[in-house]
């Protein structure tokens, strides 16, 4: 029986693996060593050319510090991303970008919750200039 070929879902899951790995500043070699595969296999997973089995995905999730469902989250739901994006590909491209990685690393380095809240308030204020509805969208997402 021939194994199934990778699908668009496999490619999406792979893109989420790549984005999370990059946020953590973990190399393909580093991830590969931690889960017991070659870095070439990580490349294939991230490109969506090889499918990731359930057990392997669980291992990747644990290594990257996220729940398995992280890899399946649908960014096409109405969220603040829709303000700046035309779909999942744009969001994934942003999450994998150097700007997003730098922003996430800098934010994670801020230990003070008060300063983090001030930074979020600043970002909302800047977004409000071009998207006045930002507060309504954020509140509807968080249930606040």
N, C-alpha and C. Protein backbone atom coordinates (compact mmCIF):
# COMPACT_ATOMS: atom_id res chain seq x y z
N UNK A 1 0.84 -1.18 0.00
CA UNK A 1 0.00 0.00 0.00
C UNK A 1 0.89 1.25 0.00
N UNK A 2 0.67 2.12 -0.94
CA UNK A 2 1.48 3.33 -1.09
C UNK A 2 1.06 4.39 -0.07
N UNK A 3 2.06 5.06 0.53
CA UNK A 3 1.78 6.14 1.48
C UNK A 3 1.12 7.30 0.76
N UNK A 4 0.25 7.99 1.48
CA UNK A 4 -0.42 9.14 0.89
C UNK A 4 0.57 10.27 0.64
N UNK A 5 0.33 11.00 -0.42
CA UNK A 5 1.16 12.16 -0.73
C UNK A 5 0.81 13.31 0.20
N UNK A 6 1.77 14.19 0.47
CA UNK A 6 1.49 15.35 1.31
C UNK A 6 0.40 16.23 0.70
N UNK A 7 -0.36 16.89 1.56
CA UNK A 7 -1.45 17.75 1.14
C UNK A 7 -1.16 19.20 1.53
N UNK A 8 -2.08 20.08 1.21
CA UNK A 8 -1.93 21.48 1.61
C UNK A 8 -1.93 21.61 3.13
N UNK A 9 -2.61 20.71 3.82
CA UNK A 9 -2.59 20.74 5.28
C UNK A 9 -1.19 20.41 5.79
N UNK A 10 -0.54 19.44 5.15
CA UNK A 10 0.83 19.10 5.53
C UNK A 10 1.75 20.31 5.35
N UNK A 11 1.56 21.03 4.26
CA UNK A 11 2.37 22.22 4.00
C UNK A 11 2.10 23.30 5.06
N UNK A 12 0.83 23.45 5.44
CA UNK A 12 0.47 24.44 6.45
C UNK A 12 1.09 24.08 7.80
N UNK A 13 0.97 22.81 8.20
CA UNK A 13 1.56 22.36 9.45
C UNK A 13 3.07 22.60 9.42
N UNK A 14 3.70 22.29 8.31
CA UNK A 14 5.14 22.52 8.17
C UNK A 14 5.51 23.98 8.30
N UNK A 15 4.68 24.86 7.75
CA UNK A 15 4.95 26.29 7.85
C UNK A 15 4.84 26.77 9.29
N UNK A 16 3.92 26.17 10.04
CA UNK A 16 3.77 26.53 11.46
C UNK A 16 4.97 26.02 12.28
N UNK A 17 5.46 24.84 11.93
CA UNK A 17 6.67 24.32 12.59
C UNK A 17 7.82 25.29 12.35
N UNK A 18 7.99 25.70 11.10
CA UNK A 18 9.09 26.61 10.75
C UNK A 18 8.96 27.94 11.49
N UNK A 19 7.75 28.51 11.49
CA UNK A 19 7.55 29.80 12.13
C UNK A 19 7.87 29.73 13.63
N UNK A 20 7.39 28.69 14.30
CA UNK A 20 7.64 28.56 15.73
C UNK A 20 9.13 28.32 16.00
N UNK A 21 9.75 27.48 15.19
CA UNK A 21 11.18 27.21 15.35
C UNK A 21 11.98 28.50 15.23
N UNK A 22 11.62 29.33 14.27
CA UNK A 22 12.35 30.58 14.05
C UNK A 22 12.12 31.57 15.18
N UNK A 23 10.90 31.63 15.71
CA UNK A 23 10.63 32.50 16.85
C UNK A 23 11.54 32.14 18.02
N UNK A 24 11.77 30.85 18.19
CA UNK A 24 12.62 30.37 19.28
C UNK A 24 14.11 30.44 18.95
N UNK A 25 14.42 30.87 17.73
CA UNK A 25 15.81 30.95 17.26
C UNK A 25 16.51 29.60 17.33
N UNK A 26 15.77 28.58 16.96
CA UNK A 26 16.28 27.22 16.96
C UNK A 26 16.58 26.83 15.51
N UNK A 27 17.75 26.30 15.28
CA UNK A 27 18.11 25.89 13.92
C UNK A 27 17.41 24.59 13.55
N UNK A 28 17.40 24.29 12.26
CA UNK A 28 16.86 23.01 11.81
C UNK A 28 17.67 21.87 12.41
N UNK A 29 18.98 22.06 12.49
CA UNK A 29 19.85 21.04 13.09
C UNK A 29 19.49 20.84 14.57
N UNK A 30 19.29 21.94 15.27
CA UNK A 30 18.94 21.86 16.69
C UNK A 30 17.64 21.12 16.93
N UNK A 31 16.62 21.44 16.13
CA UNK A 31 15.34 20.75 16.26
C UNK A 31 15.50 19.28 15.90
N UNK A 32 16.22 19.02 14.83
CA UNK A 32 16.42 17.64 14.38
C UNK A 32 17.09 16.80 15.47
N UNK A 33 18.12 17.35 16.10
CA UNK A 33 18.82 16.62 17.16
C UNK A 33 17.90 16.32 18.34
N UNK A 34 17.04 17.27 18.66
CA UNK A 34 16.16 17.10 19.82
C UNK A 34 15.07 16.05 19.59
N UNK A 35 14.66 15.89 18.32
CA UNK A 35 13.58 14.91 18.07
C UNK A 35 14.08 13.64 17.40
N UNK A 36 15.39 13.58 17.12
CA UNK A 36 15.97 12.34 16.61
C UNK A 36 15.80 12.08 15.13
N UNK A 37 15.87 13.14 14.32
CA UNK A 37 15.83 12.99 12.86
C UNK A 37 16.96 13.82 12.27
N UNK A 38 17.14 13.76 10.96
CA UNK A 38 18.15 14.57 10.30
C UNK A 38 17.60 15.97 10.02
N UNK A 39 18.50 16.93 9.84
CA UNK A 39 18.03 18.28 9.51
C UNK A 39 17.35 18.29 8.15
N UNK A 40 17.75 17.37 7.27
CA UNK A 40 17.10 17.29 5.96
C UNK A 40 15.63 16.91 6.12
N UNK A 41 15.35 16.05 7.11
CA UNK A 41 13.97 15.66 7.37
C UNK A 41 13.17 16.86 7.86
N UNK A 42 13.77 17.69 8.71
CA UNK A 42 13.10 18.91 9.18
C UNK A 42 12.79 19.81 7.99
N UNK A 43 13.75 19.94 7.06
CA UNK A 43 13.51 20.75 5.86
C UNK A 43 12.30 20.24 5.10
N UNK A 44 12.21 18.94 4.95
CA UNK A 44 11.09 18.34 4.22
C UNK A 44 9.77 18.54 4.95
N UNK A 45 9.79 18.43 6.28
CA UNK A 45 8.58 18.69 7.05
C UNK A 45 8.13 20.14 6.85
N UNK A 46 9.08 21.07 6.98
CA UNK A 46 8.75 22.49 6.91
C UNK A 46 8.26 22.90 5.53
N UNK A 47 8.77 22.27 4.50
CA UNK A 47 8.33 22.58 3.13
C UNK A 47 7.04 21.86 2.78
N UNK A 48 6.65 20.90 3.60
CA UNK A 48 5.44 20.14 3.32
C UNK A 48 5.63 19.03 2.32
N UNK A 49 6.88 18.68 2.03
CA UNK A 49 7.12 17.60 1.07
C UNK A 49 7.04 16.23 1.73
N UNK A 50 7.22 16.18 3.05
CA UNK A 50 7.04 14.94 3.81
C UNK A 50 5.98 15.18 4.87
N UNK A 51 5.14 14.19 5.07
CA UNK A 51 4.11 14.28 6.10
C UNK A 51 4.74 14.05 7.47
N UNK A 52 4.16 14.67 8.49
CA UNK A 52 4.62 14.49 9.86
C UNK A 52 3.63 13.57 10.56
N UNK A 53 4.12 12.44 11.03
CA UNK A 53 3.26 11.51 11.75
C UNK A 53 2.83 12.07 13.10
N UNK A 54 1.78 11.49 13.68
CA UNK A 54 1.22 11.98 14.94
C UNK A 54 2.25 11.98 16.07
N UNK A 55 2.97 10.89 16.22
CA UNK A 55 3.97 10.80 17.29
C UNK A 55 5.08 11.82 17.11
N UNK A 56 5.52 11.98 15.88
CA UNK A 56 6.59 12.94 15.59
C UNK A 56 6.09 14.36 15.83
N UNK A 57 4.84 14.65 15.45
CA UNK A 57 4.28 15.98 15.66
C UNK A 57 4.19 16.28 17.16
N UNK A 58 3.83 15.29 17.96
CA UNK A 58 3.78 15.46 19.41
C UNK A 58 5.18 15.80 19.94
N UNK A 59 6.18 15.12 19.44
CA UNK A 59 7.56 15.37 19.86
C UNK A 59 8.00 16.79 19.46
N UNK A 60 7.64 17.20 18.26
CA UNK A 60 7.97 18.56 17.79
C UNK A 60 7.27 19.59 18.67
N UNK A 61 5.99 19.36 18.96
CA UNK A 61 5.23 20.29 19.80
C UNK A 61 5.87 20.44 21.17
N UNK A 62 6.25 19.33 21.78
CA UNK A 62 6.89 19.39 23.10
C UNK A 62 8.21 20.14 23.03
N UNK A 63 8.99 19.88 21.99
CA UNK A 63 10.28 20.54 21.83
C UNK A 63 10.11 22.05 21.62
N UNK A 64 9.08 22.44 20.87
CA UNK A 64 8.86 23.86 20.57
C UNK A 64 7.99 24.55 21.62
N UNK A 65 7.54 23.79 22.62
CA UNK A 65 6.79 24.39 23.72
C UNK A 65 5.40 24.86 23.37
N UNK A 66 4.73 24.14 22.49
CA UNK A 66 3.36 24.48 22.10
C UNK A 66 2.50 23.22 22.11
N UNK A 67 1.18 23.38 22.24
CA UNK A 67 0.31 22.20 22.11
C UNK A 67 0.23 21.79 20.65
N UNK A 68 -0.10 20.54 20.40
CA UNK A 68 -0.19 20.04 19.02
C UNK A 68 -1.16 20.89 18.20
N UNK A 69 -2.26 21.33 18.80
CA UNK A 69 -3.25 22.09 18.03
C UNK A 69 -2.70 23.40 17.48
N UNK A 70 -1.58 23.88 18.05
CA UNK A 70 -0.94 25.09 17.52
C UNK A 70 -0.68 24.96 16.02
N UNK A 71 -0.30 23.77 15.59
CA UNK A 71 0.07 23.55 14.19
C UNK A 71 -1.13 23.53 13.25
N UNK A 72 -2.33 23.45 13.83
CA UNK A 72 -3.54 23.39 13.02
C UNK A 72 -4.41 24.62 13.15
N UNK A 73 -4.00 25.58 13.96
CA UNK A 73 -4.81 26.78 14.16
C UNK A 73 -5.03 27.46 12.83
N UNK A 74 -6.26 27.89 12.64
CA UNK A 74 -6.66 28.50 11.37
C UNK A 74 -6.62 30.01 11.49
N UNK A 75 -5.66 30.62 10.86
CA UNK A 75 -5.52 32.07 10.91
C UNK A 75 -6.47 32.79 9.97
N UNK A 76 -7.38 32.06 9.33
CA UNK A 76 -8.32 32.73 8.44
C UNK A 76 -9.59 33.14 9.16
N UNK A 77 -9.73 32.77 10.44
CA UNK A 77 -10.88 33.21 11.22
C UNK A 77 -10.79 34.73 11.35
N UNK A 78 -11.93 35.42 11.52
CA UNK A 78 -11.88 36.87 11.67
C UNK A 78 -11.10 37.25 12.93
N UNK A 79 -9.95 37.83 12.74
CA UNK A 79 -9.10 38.26 13.85
C UNK A 79 -8.46 39.57 13.47
N UNK A 80 -7.62 40.08 14.34
CA UNK A 80 -6.91 41.31 14.01
C UNK A 80 -6.01 41.11 12.81
N UNK A 81 -5.62 39.87 12.53
CA UNK A 81 -4.80 39.62 11.35
C UNK A 81 -5.52 40.05 10.08
N UNK A 82 -6.84 39.93 10.08
CA UNK A 82 -7.59 40.28 8.88
C UNK A 82 -7.46 41.77 8.55
N UNK A 83 -7.06 42.56 9.53
CA UNK A 83 -6.87 43.98 9.28
C UNK A 83 -5.66 44.25 8.40
N UNK A 84 -4.66 43.39 8.50
CA UNK A 84 -3.42 43.64 7.80
C UNK A 84 -3.09 42.54 6.81
N UNK A 85 -3.98 41.59 6.64
CA UNK A 85 -3.67 40.42 5.84
C UNK A 85 -4.85 40.05 4.96
N UNK A 86 -4.53 39.46 3.83
CA UNK A 86 -5.58 38.96 2.95
C UNK A 86 -5.76 37.46 3.11
N UNK A 87 -5.14 36.85 4.10
CA UNK A 87 -5.31 35.42 4.29
C UNK A 87 -4.16 34.79 5.03
N UNK A 88 -4.27 33.50 5.15
CA UNK A 88 -3.32 32.69 5.91
C UNK A 88 -1.89 32.84 5.40
N UNK A 89 -1.68 32.88 4.10
CA UNK A 89 -0.32 32.96 3.56
C UNK A 89 0.38 34.23 4.01
N UNK A 90 -0.35 35.36 4.03
CA UNK A 90 0.25 36.61 4.47
C UNK A 90 0.63 36.55 5.95
N UNK A 91 -0.24 35.96 6.75
CA UNK A 91 0.04 35.85 8.18
C UNK A 91 1.25 34.95 8.41
N UNK A 92 1.28 33.82 7.74
CA UNK A 92 2.42 32.91 7.89
C UNK A 92 3.70 33.56 7.42
N UNK A 93 3.62 34.31 6.33
CA UNK A 93 4.81 35.00 5.84
C UNK A 93 5.29 36.01 6.87
N UNK A 94 4.35 36.74 7.48
CA UNK A 94 4.75 37.69 8.51
C UNK A 94 5.37 36.98 9.71
N UNK A 95 4.73 35.91 10.18
CA UNK A 95 5.24 35.20 11.35
C UNK A 95 6.64 34.65 11.13
N UNK A 96 6.95 34.32 9.89
CA UNK A 96 8.27 33.79 9.58
C UNK A 96 9.27 34.89 9.24
N UNK A 97 8.81 36.14 9.18
CA UNK A 97 9.69 37.24 8.79
C UNK A 97 10.65 37.62 9.92
N UNK A 98 11.71 38.28 9.54
CA UNK A 98 12.69 38.74 10.53
C UNK A 98 12.07 39.76 11.47
N UNK A 99 11.18 40.62 10.96
CA UNK A 99 10.51 41.60 11.81
C UNK A 99 9.69 40.93 12.90
N UNK A 100 8.90 39.93 12.53
CA UNK A 100 8.07 39.24 13.51
C UNK A 100 8.93 38.51 14.53
N UNK A 101 9.99 37.89 14.06
CA UNK A 101 10.88 37.17 14.98
C UNK A 101 11.54 38.14 15.96
N UNK A 102 12.01 39.27 15.44
CA UNK A 102 12.65 40.26 16.31
C UNK A 102 11.65 40.82 17.31
N UNK A 103 10.44 41.11 16.85
CA UNK A 103 9.40 41.63 17.73
C UNK A 103 9.07 40.63 18.84
N UNK A 104 8.90 39.38 18.47
CA UNK A 104 8.59 38.34 19.46
C UNK A 104 9.72 38.15 20.46
N UNK A 105 10.96 38.12 19.98
CA UNK A 105 12.10 37.95 20.88
C UNK A 105 12.21 39.12 21.85
N UNK A 106 12.03 40.33 21.32
CA UNK A 106 12.12 41.51 22.18
C UNK A 106 11.00 41.50 23.22
N UNK A 107 9.80 41.16 22.81
CA UNK A 107 8.67 41.13 23.73
C UNK A 107 8.89 40.07 24.82
N UNK A 108 9.39 38.91 24.42
CA UNK A 108 9.64 37.83 25.39
C UNK A 108 10.74 38.21 26.38
N UNK A 109 11.63 39.10 25.98
CA UNK A 109 12.72 39.52 26.85
C UNK A 109 12.26 40.53 27.91
N UNK A 110 11.09 41.10 27.72
CA UNK A 110 10.56 42.06 28.70
C UNK A 110 9.93 41.26 29.84
N UNK A 111 10.49 41.38 31.02
CA UNK A 111 10.02 40.58 32.15
C UNK A 111 8.85 41.22 32.88
N UNK A 112 8.74 42.52 32.83
CA UNK A 112 7.70 43.23 33.57
C UNK A 112 6.35 43.16 32.86
N UNK A 113 5.33 42.59 33.52
CA UNK A 113 3.99 42.56 32.92
C UNK A 113 3.46 43.97 32.63
N UNK A 114 3.79 44.91 33.49
CA UNK A 114 3.32 46.29 33.30
C UNK A 114 3.91 46.89 32.02
N UNK A 115 5.18 46.64 31.79
CA UNK A 115 5.82 47.17 30.58
C UNK A 115 5.26 46.46 29.35
N UNK A 116 5.02 45.16 29.45
CA UNK A 116 4.41 44.44 28.33
C UNK A 116 3.04 45.03 27.99
N UNK A 117 2.24 45.33 29.02
CA UNK A 117 0.92 45.92 28.79
C UNK A 117 1.05 47.28 28.12
N UNK A 118 2.04 48.06 28.53
CA UNK A 118 2.25 49.37 27.92
C UNK A 118 2.64 49.22 26.45
N UNK A 119 3.44 48.21 26.14
CA UNK A 119 3.84 47.97 24.76
C UNK A 119 2.64 47.57 23.90
N UNK A 120 1.78 46.73 24.45
CA UNK A 120 0.56 46.33 23.73
C UNK A 120 -0.33 47.56 23.51
N UNK A 121 -0.46 48.40 24.53
CA UNK A 121 -1.26 49.63 24.40
C UNK A 121 -0.68 50.54 23.32
N UNK A 122 0.64 50.64 23.26
CA UNK A 122 1.28 51.45 22.22
C UNK A 122 0.98 50.89 20.84
N UNK A 123 1.09 49.58 20.69
CA UNK A 123 0.82 48.95 19.39
C UNK A 123 -0.63 49.19 18.97
N UNK A 124 -1.56 49.07 19.91
CA UNK A 124 -2.98 49.33 19.60
C UNK A 124 -3.17 50.78 19.17
N UNK A 125 -2.52 51.68 19.88
CA UNK A 125 -2.63 53.10 19.55
C UNK A 125 -2.13 53.38 18.14
N UNK A 126 -1.01 52.79 17.79
CA UNK A 126 -0.47 52.98 16.45
C UNK A 126 -1.39 52.35 15.40
N UNK A 127 -1.95 51.19 15.70
CA UNK A 127 -2.85 50.52 14.76
C UNK A 127 -4.14 51.31 14.58
N UNK A 128 -4.59 51.98 15.64
CA UNK A 128 -5.82 52.77 15.60
C UNK A 128 -5.75 53.87 14.55
N UNK A 129 -4.55 54.36 14.25
CA UNK A 129 -4.41 55.42 13.25
C UNK A 129 -4.97 54.99 11.90
N UNK A 130 -4.76 53.74 11.54
CA UNK A 130 -5.25 53.26 10.24
C UNK A 130 -6.44 52.33 10.35
N UNK A 131 -6.67 51.78 11.57
CA UNK A 131 -7.78 50.85 11.78
C UNK A 131 -8.50 51.20 13.08
N UNK A 132 -9.41 52.20 13.04
CA UNK A 132 -10.10 52.64 14.26
C UNK A 132 -10.88 51.53 14.97
N UNK A 133 -11.23 50.49 14.24
CA UNK A 133 -12.03 49.40 14.82
C UNK A 133 -11.19 48.38 15.57
N UNK A 134 -9.91 48.61 15.72
CA UNK A 134 -9.00 47.63 16.32
C UNK A 134 -9.45 47.18 17.70
N UNK A 135 -9.92 48.09 18.55
CA UNK A 135 -10.34 47.72 19.90
C UNK A 135 -11.51 46.75 19.89
N UNK A 136 -12.49 47.01 19.01
CA UNK A 136 -13.65 46.12 18.92
C UNK A 136 -13.23 44.72 18.50
N UNK A 137 -12.32 44.64 17.56
CA UNK A 137 -11.88 43.34 17.06
C UNK A 137 -11.10 42.60 18.14
N UNK A 138 -10.20 43.28 18.82
CA UNK A 138 -9.41 42.64 19.87
C UNK A 138 -10.31 42.18 21.01
N UNK A 139 -11.27 43.02 21.42
CA UNK A 139 -12.17 42.63 22.51
C UNK A 139 -13.04 41.44 22.13
N UNK A 140 -13.46 41.37 20.88
CA UNK A 140 -14.29 40.23 20.47
C UNK A 140 -13.49 38.94 20.45
N UNK A 141 -12.19 39.02 20.22
CA UNK A 141 -11.32 37.83 20.21
C UNK A 141 -11.03 37.33 21.61
N UNK A 142 -10.77 38.25 22.51
CA UNK A 142 -10.35 37.87 23.85
C UNK A 142 -11.52 37.66 24.80
N UNK A 143 -12.69 38.08 24.38
CA UNK A 143 -13.86 37.97 25.24
C UNK A 143 -13.87 39.02 26.34
N UNK A 144 -12.99 40.02 26.21
CA UNK A 144 -12.90 41.07 27.23
C UNK A 144 -13.96 42.12 27.03
